[in-house]
N, C-alpha and C. Protein backbone atom coordinates (compact mmCIF):
# COMPACT_ATOMS: atom_id res chain seq x y z
N MET A 1 10.23 17.54 17.28
CA MET A 1 10.50 16.11 17.30
C MET A 1 11.45 15.74 16.16
N LYS A 2 12.45 14.95 16.48
CA LYS A 2 13.42 14.51 15.47
C LYS A 2 12.78 13.50 14.53
N THR A 3 13.17 13.59 13.28
CA THR A 3 12.77 12.58 12.31
C THR A 3 13.77 11.43 12.38
N VAL A 4 13.42 10.32 11.76
CA VAL A 4 14.35 9.19 11.68
C VAL A 4 15.63 9.63 10.97
N SER A 5 15.47 10.41 9.93
CA SER A 5 16.63 10.92 9.21
C SER A 5 17.52 11.77 10.12
N ASP A 6 16.92 12.62 10.94
CA ASP A 6 17.70 13.44 11.88
C ASP A 6 18.51 12.56 12.83
N THR A 7 17.87 11.53 13.36
CA THR A 7 18.54 10.61 14.29
C THR A 7 19.69 9.90 13.60
N LEU A 8 19.45 9.40 12.41
CA LEU A 8 20.51 8.70 11.66
C LEU A 8 21.67 9.63 11.33
N LYS A 9 21.37 10.86 10.93
CA LYS A 9 22.42 11.83 10.60
C LYS A 9 23.26 12.16 11.83
N ALA A 10 22.61 12.37 12.96
CA ALA A 10 23.34 12.69 14.19
C ALA A 10 24.24 11.53 14.61
N ALA A 11 23.73 10.30 14.52
CA ALA A 11 24.53 9.13 14.87
C ALA A 11 25.70 8.97 13.89
N ARG A 12 25.43 9.17 12.62
CA ARG A 12 26.49 9.07 11.60
C ARG A 12 27.58 10.10 11.89
N ASP A 13 27.17 11.30 12.23
CA ASP A 13 28.14 12.36 12.54
C ASP A 13 29.04 11.97 13.71
N LEU A 14 28.47 11.31 14.72
CA LEU A 14 29.29 10.85 15.85
C LEU A 14 30.35 9.85 15.38
N LEU A 15 29.95 8.94 14.51
CA LEU A 15 30.90 7.94 14.02
C LEU A 15 32.06 8.60 13.27
N VAL A 16 31.74 9.66 12.53
CA VAL A 16 32.77 10.34 11.74
C VAL A 16 33.63 11.25 12.62
N THR A 17 33.01 12.02 13.50
CA THR A 17 33.76 13.02 14.27
C THR A 17 34.42 12.44 15.52
N LYS A 18 33.77 11.47 16.16
CA LYS A 18 34.32 10.92 17.40
C LYS A 18 35.10 9.64 17.16
N GLY A 19 34.59 8.78 16.28
CA GLY A 19 35.26 7.52 15.99
C GLY A 19 34.33 6.34 16.06
N TRP A 20 34.80 5.23 15.49
CA TRP A 20 34.01 4.01 15.35
C TRP A 20 34.73 2.88 16.07
N THR A 21 33.94 1.95 16.59
CA THR A 21 34.51 0.76 17.23
C THR A 21 33.64 -0.45 16.91
N GLN A 22 34.12 -1.60 17.29
CA GLN A 22 33.39 -2.85 17.14
C GLN A 22 33.38 -3.58 18.48
N GLY A 23 32.38 -4.44 18.65
CA GLY A 23 32.36 -5.34 19.80
C GLY A 23 31.78 -4.76 21.07
N THR A 24 31.43 -3.51 21.08
CA THR A 24 30.84 -2.86 22.24
C THR A 24 30.12 -1.60 21.78
N PHE A 25 29.24 -1.09 22.60
CA PHE A 25 28.50 0.13 22.23
C PHE A 25 29.44 1.32 22.07
N ALA A 26 30.38 1.46 23.00
CA ALA A 26 31.30 2.60 22.95
C ALA A 26 32.53 2.27 23.79
N ARG A 27 33.55 3.10 23.63
CA ARG A 27 34.78 2.95 24.41
C ARG A 27 35.20 4.32 24.94
N THR A 28 35.90 4.29 26.07
CA THR A 28 36.51 5.50 26.61
C THR A 28 37.87 5.70 25.95
N ALA A 29 38.52 6.82 26.26
CA ALA A 29 39.85 7.07 25.72
C ALA A 29 40.85 6.01 26.18
N ALA A 30 40.59 5.40 27.34
CA ALA A 30 41.47 4.34 27.84
C ALA A 30 41.11 2.97 27.25
N GLY A 31 40.08 2.92 26.41
CA GLY A 31 39.70 1.66 25.78
C GLY A 31 38.68 0.84 26.55
N HIS A 32 38.18 1.36 27.65
CA HIS A 32 37.17 0.64 28.44
C HIS A 32 35.83 0.66 27.71
N THR A 33 35.10 -0.44 27.80
CA THR A 33 33.79 -0.50 27.17
C THR A 33 32.76 0.19 28.05
N VAL A 34 31.90 0.98 27.41
CA VAL A 34 30.84 1.71 28.10
C VAL A 34 29.61 1.75 27.20
N GLU A 35 28.50 2.20 27.77
CA GLU A 35 27.29 2.39 26.99
C GLU A 35 27.48 3.60 26.07
N GLY A 36 26.72 3.64 25.01
CA GLY A 36 26.83 4.75 24.06
C GLY A 36 26.53 6.10 24.68
N ARG A 37 25.65 6.12 25.66
CA ARG A 37 25.27 7.39 26.27
C ARG A 37 26.23 7.82 27.40
N HIS A 38 27.25 7.04 27.67
CA HIS A 38 28.19 7.34 28.75
C HIS A 38 28.94 8.64 28.46
N GLU A 39 29.11 9.46 29.48
CA GLU A 39 29.73 10.77 29.30
C GLU A 39 31.18 10.71 28.83
N PHE A 40 31.88 9.60 29.08
CA PHE A 40 33.28 9.50 28.68
C PHE A 40 33.48 8.69 27.39
N ALA A 41 32.40 8.38 26.69
CA ALA A 41 32.52 7.66 25.42
C ALA A 41 33.23 8.54 24.40
N VAL A 42 34.19 7.94 23.71
CA VAL A 42 34.93 8.68 22.69
C VAL A 42 34.84 8.06 21.30
N CYS A 43 34.34 6.83 21.22
CA CYS A 43 34.09 6.20 19.92
C CYS A 43 32.93 5.23 20.10
N TYR A 44 32.25 4.94 19.01
CA TYR A 44 30.99 4.22 19.08
C TYR A 44 30.87 3.17 17.99
N CYS A 45 30.08 2.13 18.27
CA CYS A 45 29.61 1.25 17.20
C CYS A 45 28.35 1.93 16.64
N GLY A 46 27.79 1.38 15.60
CA GLY A 46 26.58 1.98 15.03
C GLY A 46 25.45 2.10 16.03
N TRP A 47 25.19 1.03 16.78
CA TRP A 47 24.12 1.08 17.80
C TRP A 47 24.50 2.03 18.93
N GLY A 48 25.75 2.05 19.32
CA GLY A 48 26.20 2.95 20.38
C GLY A 48 25.99 4.40 19.99
N ALA A 49 26.23 4.71 18.73
CA ALA A 49 26.00 6.07 18.25
C ALA A 49 24.50 6.41 18.30
N LEU A 50 23.66 5.44 17.91
CA LEU A 50 22.20 5.66 18.02
C LEU A 50 21.81 5.88 19.48
N GLU A 51 22.39 5.07 20.38
CA GLU A 51 22.08 5.22 21.80
C GLU A 51 22.53 6.59 22.31
N ALA A 52 23.69 7.05 21.88
CA ALA A 52 24.19 8.35 22.32
C ALA A 52 23.24 9.47 21.89
N VAL A 53 22.69 9.35 20.70
CA VAL A 53 21.79 10.37 20.16
C VAL A 53 20.42 10.31 20.82
N THR A 54 19.91 9.11 21.03
CA THR A 54 18.55 8.96 21.58
C THR A 54 18.55 8.91 23.11
N ARG A 55 19.73 8.71 23.70
CA ARG A 55 19.95 8.65 25.15
C ARG A 55 19.43 7.38 25.81
N GLU A 56 18.81 6.50 25.09
CA GLU A 56 18.32 5.22 25.63
C GLU A 56 18.23 4.23 24.49
N LEU A 57 18.43 2.97 24.84
CA LEU A 57 18.20 1.90 23.86
C LEU A 57 16.71 1.58 23.79
N PHE A 58 16.29 1.20 22.64
CA PHE A 58 14.96 0.65 22.40
C PHE A 58 13.81 1.61 22.65
N THR A 59 14.07 2.90 22.61
CA THR A 59 12.98 3.88 22.58
C THR A 59 12.37 3.83 21.19
N PRO A 60 11.18 4.38 21.00
CA PRO A 60 10.62 4.41 19.65
C PRO A 60 11.55 5.08 18.64
N GLU A 61 12.23 6.14 19.06
CA GLU A 61 13.17 6.85 18.18
C GLU A 61 14.34 5.94 17.79
N PHE A 62 14.90 5.24 18.77
CA PHE A 62 16.00 4.31 18.52
C PHE A 62 15.54 3.19 17.59
N GLN A 63 14.39 2.60 17.90
CA GLN A 63 13.90 1.47 17.12
C GLN A 63 13.60 1.84 15.68
N ALA A 64 13.05 3.04 15.46
CA ALA A 64 12.76 3.47 14.09
C ALA A 64 14.05 3.61 13.29
N ALA A 65 15.08 4.18 13.91
CA ALA A 65 16.37 4.32 13.23
C ALA A 65 17.00 2.95 12.97
N ASP A 66 16.90 2.06 13.93
CA ASP A 66 17.44 0.71 13.76
C ASP A 66 16.73 -0.02 12.62
N ARG A 67 15.42 0.09 12.56
CA ARG A 67 14.66 -0.53 11.45
C ARG A 67 15.10 0.04 10.11
N ALA A 68 15.35 1.33 10.06
CA ALA A 68 15.80 1.95 8.81
C ALA A 68 17.16 1.42 8.39
N LEU A 69 18.06 1.23 9.34
CA LEU A 69 19.38 0.66 9.03
C LEU A 69 19.25 -0.78 8.53
N MET A 70 18.41 -1.57 9.19
CA MET A 70 18.24 -2.97 8.77
C MET A 70 17.65 -3.06 7.37
N ALA A 71 16.66 -2.20 7.09
CA ALA A 71 16.05 -2.20 5.75
C ALA A 71 17.08 -1.78 4.70
N ALA A 72 17.87 -0.77 5.02
CA ALA A 72 18.87 -0.28 4.06
C ALA A 72 19.95 -1.32 3.79
N GLY A 73 20.32 -2.05 4.83
CA GLY A 73 21.39 -3.04 4.68
C GLY A 73 20.91 -4.42 4.29
N GLY A 74 19.61 -4.65 4.41
CA GLY A 74 19.06 -5.96 4.07
C GLY A 74 19.44 -7.04 5.06
N PHE A 75 19.57 -6.68 6.33
CA PHE A 75 19.89 -7.67 7.35
C PHE A 75 18.93 -7.52 8.53
N THR A 76 19.01 -8.45 9.47
CA THR A 76 18.06 -8.47 10.58
C THR A 76 18.67 -8.03 11.91
N HIS A 77 19.98 -7.80 11.96
CA HIS A 77 20.61 -7.41 13.23
C HIS A 77 21.81 -6.51 12.92
N PHE A 78 21.64 -5.22 13.12
CA PHE A 78 22.69 -4.28 12.78
C PHE A 78 24.00 -4.53 13.53
N PRO A 79 23.98 -4.84 14.85
CA PRO A 79 25.26 -5.08 15.53
C PRO A 79 26.08 -6.20 14.90
N SER A 80 25.44 -7.23 14.39
CA SER A 80 26.18 -8.31 13.74
C SER A 80 26.89 -7.80 12.49
N PHE A 81 26.23 -6.91 11.77
CA PHE A 81 26.85 -6.29 10.60
C PHE A 81 28.04 -5.43 11.04
N ASN A 82 27.81 -4.54 12.00
CA ASN A 82 28.85 -3.64 12.50
C ASN A 82 30.07 -4.41 12.99
N ASP A 83 29.83 -5.51 13.70
CA ASP A 83 30.91 -6.23 14.38
C ASP A 83 31.56 -7.33 13.56
N ALA A 84 31.12 -7.53 12.34
CA ALA A 84 31.68 -8.61 11.52
C ALA A 84 33.18 -8.38 11.29
N ALA A 85 33.93 -9.46 11.35
CA ALA A 85 35.37 -9.39 11.10
C ALA A 85 35.62 -8.78 9.73
N GLY A 86 36.54 -7.86 9.66
CA GLY A 86 36.89 -7.23 8.40
C GLY A 86 36.00 -6.07 8.00
N ARG A 87 34.95 -5.83 8.77
CA ARG A 87 34.05 -4.71 8.47
C ARG A 87 34.81 -3.41 8.60
N THR A 88 34.48 -2.42 7.79
CA THR A 88 35.14 -1.12 7.84
C THR A 88 34.13 -0.03 8.20
N LEU A 89 34.66 1.07 8.68
CA LEU A 89 33.81 2.23 8.95
C LEU A 89 33.11 2.68 7.69
N ASP A 90 33.80 2.69 6.58
CA ASP A 90 33.17 3.12 5.32
C ASP A 90 31.95 2.27 4.98
N GLU A 91 32.01 0.97 5.25
CA GLU A 91 30.87 0.09 4.99
C GLU A 91 29.70 0.43 5.92
N VAL A 92 30.01 0.72 7.17
CA VAL A 92 28.96 1.09 8.13
C VAL A 92 28.34 2.42 7.72
N LEU A 93 29.17 3.38 7.35
CA LEU A 93 28.66 4.69 6.92
C LEU A 93 27.81 4.57 5.67
N ALA A 94 28.16 3.66 4.78
CA ALA A 94 27.37 3.46 3.56
C ALA A 94 25.96 3.01 3.89
N VAL A 95 25.80 2.17 4.91
CA VAL A 95 24.46 1.74 5.32
C VAL A 95 23.71 2.92 5.93
N PHE A 96 24.38 3.71 6.75
CA PHE A 96 23.74 4.92 7.28
C PHE A 96 23.29 5.82 6.13
N ASP A 97 24.17 6.03 5.15
CA ASP A 97 23.84 6.90 4.01
C ASP A 97 22.63 6.38 3.24
N LYS A 98 22.60 5.07 3.03
CA LYS A 98 21.48 4.47 2.30
C LYS A 98 20.19 4.61 3.10
N ALA A 99 20.26 4.42 4.40
CA ALA A 99 19.07 4.56 5.25
C ALA A 99 18.59 6.01 5.27
N ILE A 100 19.51 6.96 5.35
CA ILE A 100 19.14 8.38 5.33
C ILE A 100 18.48 8.72 4.01
N ALA A 101 19.07 8.28 2.91
CA ALA A 101 18.50 8.56 1.59
C ALA A 101 17.10 7.98 1.46
N ALA A 102 16.90 6.77 1.97
CA ALA A 102 15.57 6.15 1.90
C ALA A 102 14.56 6.94 2.72
N GLN A 103 14.98 7.46 3.86
CA GLN A 103 14.08 8.25 4.70
C GLN A 103 13.71 9.58 4.06
N GLU A 104 14.61 10.12 3.25
CA GLU A 104 14.40 11.43 2.66
C GLU A 104 13.83 11.36 1.25
N ALA A 105 13.72 10.17 0.71
CA ALA A 105 13.18 10.01 -0.65
C ALA A 105 11.68 10.33 -0.63
N PRO A 106 11.22 10.99 -1.67
CA PRO A 106 9.78 11.26 -1.74
C PRO A 106 9.01 9.96 -1.88
N LEU A 107 7.83 9.94 -1.31
CA LEU A 107 7.00 8.75 -1.40
C LEU A 107 6.53 8.56 -2.83
N ASP A 108 6.52 7.32 -3.28
CA ASP A 108 6.05 6.97 -4.61
C ASP A 108 4.53 7.08 -4.63
N PRO A 109 3.94 7.93 -5.45
CA PRO A 109 2.49 8.13 -5.43
C PRO A 109 1.69 6.96 -5.99
N GLN A 110 2.36 5.96 -6.53
CA GLN A 110 1.62 4.83 -7.12
C GLN A 110 1.10 3.91 -6.09
């Protein structure tokens, strides 16, 4: 079973290796909007990358990763963050990195 960190890392890798987009889950090479899990997707938004990794939206695996992103970024809706005007891939990746680090941090024994 994948951990939340595994899911976040896999989605982050898609954003880096395949590409990032805004305003839709994913796009084809021709620029058409598609779901993140679509076989012809070539670039993804943050949620689209999570969908590509989990193969469905709103599964427990997807939701746990989404909650981790929201906690790391301090917001209540990740797509709004991803799609904000002027947002950059580096800013999106930074939230993924922070969420991954939080998932991998040892629990505080106090």
